[in-house]
Amino acid sequence: MHGTQTPSTTPFAAQSPAQEHQEADAQSHDMGAAQKVSLTSSPRMKLFAVCVNVLVLAELTLAMYFAAQDPDRLTPVFFKIFFSLLVPTIIAAIIGRRLIARAESR
C-alpha cells in the first residue's frame, strides 16, 4: 500500500506557520510560570551565571593549589576539597536561579 500516509502524519511533514504557532502555544501552556520567562535575556540572570562560573573557577583553583601541596595524595585531596566546595555552590545556584526566575516573572 503505497501512498497511504498523509503529509500531516509523516514525521517530517511541513507545517503551516499557524500550526506551528498552535503547537508552541500548547507546549507553553504546559510549562510552569518560571519556565515561561526568557531567562537568557535577563541581565540579572546573566550576572548571576557569571558569578557562579567565577566561583566554580575559584573553587577549582583552590582545590588544585591544595592538592599540589601533597603530590602523593593529589587526587583524593583534590576531590575532597573541590567537591566539598562544589556541591553547596550548585545547590545555592539552583536556589538562586529559581529565586531570580520567580522575581522576573512578577
Protein backbone atom coordinates (compact mmCIF):
# COMPACT_ATOMS: atom_id res chain seq x y z
CA MET A 1 0.00 0.00 0.00
CA HIS A 2 1.92 2.98 -1.17
CA GLY A 3 0.73 6.50 -0.61
CA THR A 4 -1.44 5.67 2.43
CA GLN A 5 0.26 8.22 4.69
CA THR A 6 -0.99 11.76 4.51
CA PRO A 7 1.55 14.59 4.64
CA SER A 8 0.40 15.60 8.13
CA THR A 9 1.16 12.16 9.61
CA THR A 10 4.71 11.85 8.33
CA PRO A 11 7.34 12.60 10.93
CA PHE A 12 8.96 15.43 8.96
CA ALA A 13 5.89 16.93 7.35
CA ALA A 14 5.97 20.65 6.64
CA GLN A 15 3.58 22.61 8.80
CA SER A 16 1.97 25.92 8.19
CA PRO A 17 3.01 28.79 10.47
CA ALA A 18 -0.42 28.68 12.07
CA GLN A 19 0.02 25.00 13.00
CA GLU A 20 3.50 25.70 14.42
CA HIS A 21 2.08 28.59 16.47
CA GLN A 22 -0.71 26.37 17.85
CA GLU A 23 1.81 23.69 18.85
CA ALA A 24 4.05 26.28 20.52
CA ASP A 25 1.06 27.63 22.45
CA ALA A 26 0.09 24.12 23.56
CA GLN A 27 3.63 23.39 24.73
CA SER A 28 3.98 26.70 26.59
CA HIS A 29 0.63 26.12 28.28
CA ASP A 30 2.10 23.04 29.98
CA MET A 31 5.11 24.95 31.38
CA GLY A 32 5.27 26.48 34.83
CA ALA A 33 5.50 30.22 35.38
CA ALA A 34 9.25 30.12 35.98
CA GLN A 35 9.85 28.39 32.65
CA LYS A 36 7.87 30.90 30.59
CA VAL A 37 10.27 33.74 31.38
CA SER A 38 13.15 34.13 28.98
CA LEU A 39 15.97 33.86 31.47
CA THR A 40 18.73 34.28 28.93
CA SER A 41 17.69 37.86 28.22
CA SER A 42 17.56 38.86 31.88
CA PRO A 43 20.57 40.94 32.95
CA ARG A 44 20.16 39.64 36.50
CA MET A 45 20.35 36.04 35.32
CA LYS A 46 23.40 36.74 33.16
CA LEU A 47 25.19 38.40 36.07
CA PHE A 48 24.22 35.53 38.37
CA ALA A 49 25.55 32.97 35.87
CA VAL A 50 28.85 34.84 35.56
CA CYS A 51 29.21 35.00 39.35
CA VAL A 52 28.51 31.28 39.74
CA ASN A 53 31.03 30.46 37.00
CA VAL A 54 33.70 32.63 38.62
CA LEU A 55 33.00 30.98 41.97
CA VAL A 56 33.39 27.48 40.47
CA LEU A 57 36.66 28.51 38.82
CA ALA A 58 37.92 29.88 42.15
CA GLU A 59 36.97 26.60 43.84
CA LEU A 60 38.79 24.66 41.14
CA THR A 61 41.89 26.82 41.56
CA LEU A 62 41.83 26.45 45.34
CA ALA A 63 41.43 22.68 45.11
CA MET A 64 44.29 22.42 42.63
CA TYR A 65 46.51 24.57 44.84
CA PHE A 66 45.94 22.46 47.96
CA ALA A 67 46.18 19.19 46.03
CA ALA A 68 49.54 20.24 44.60
CA GLN A 69 50.90 20.65 48.14
CA ASP A 70 50.73 16.87 48.62
CA PRO A 71 51.70 15.21 45.29
CA ASP A 72 51.43 11.68 46.73
CA ARG A 73 47.74 12.19 47.52
CA LEU A 74 46.91 14.66 44.76
CA THR A 75 43.71 13.03 43.51
CA PRO A 76 42.00 12.32 46.85
CA VAL A 77 42.87 15.77 48.20
CA PHE A 78 41.62 17.44 45.02
CA PHE A 79 38.34 15.51 45.04
CA LYS A 80 37.77 16.10 48.74
CA ILE A 81 38.29 19.85 48.52
CA PHE A 82 36.70 20.50 45.14
CA PHE A 83 33.52 18.50 45.62
CA SER A 84 33.02 19.69 49.19
CA LEU A 85 33.02 23.23 47.79
CA LEU A 86 31.18 22.48 44.55
CA VAL A 87 28.10 20.72 45.96
CA PRO A 88 26.96 23.68 48.13
CA THR A 89 27.68 26.03 45.23
CA ILE A 90 25.48 24.02 42.86
CA ILE A 91 22.68 23.87 45.43
CA ALA A 92 22.93 27.62 46.03
CA ALA A 93 22.98 28.25 42.27
CA ILE A 94 19.81 26.23 41.74
CA ILE A 95 18.04 28.06 44.56
CA GLY A 96 19.31 31.44 43.35
CA ARG A 97 18.20 30.73 39.79
CA ARG A 98 14.71 29.85 40.98
CA LEU A 99 14.51 32.99 43.11
CA ILE A 100 15.60 35.19 40.22
CA ALA A 101 13.18 33.48 37.84
CA ARG A 102 10.36 33.97 40.33
CA ALA A 103 11.25 37.66 40.75
CA GLU A 104 11.48 38.13 36.96
CA SER A 105 8.08 36.54 36.34
CA ARG A 106 6.28 39.05 38.58
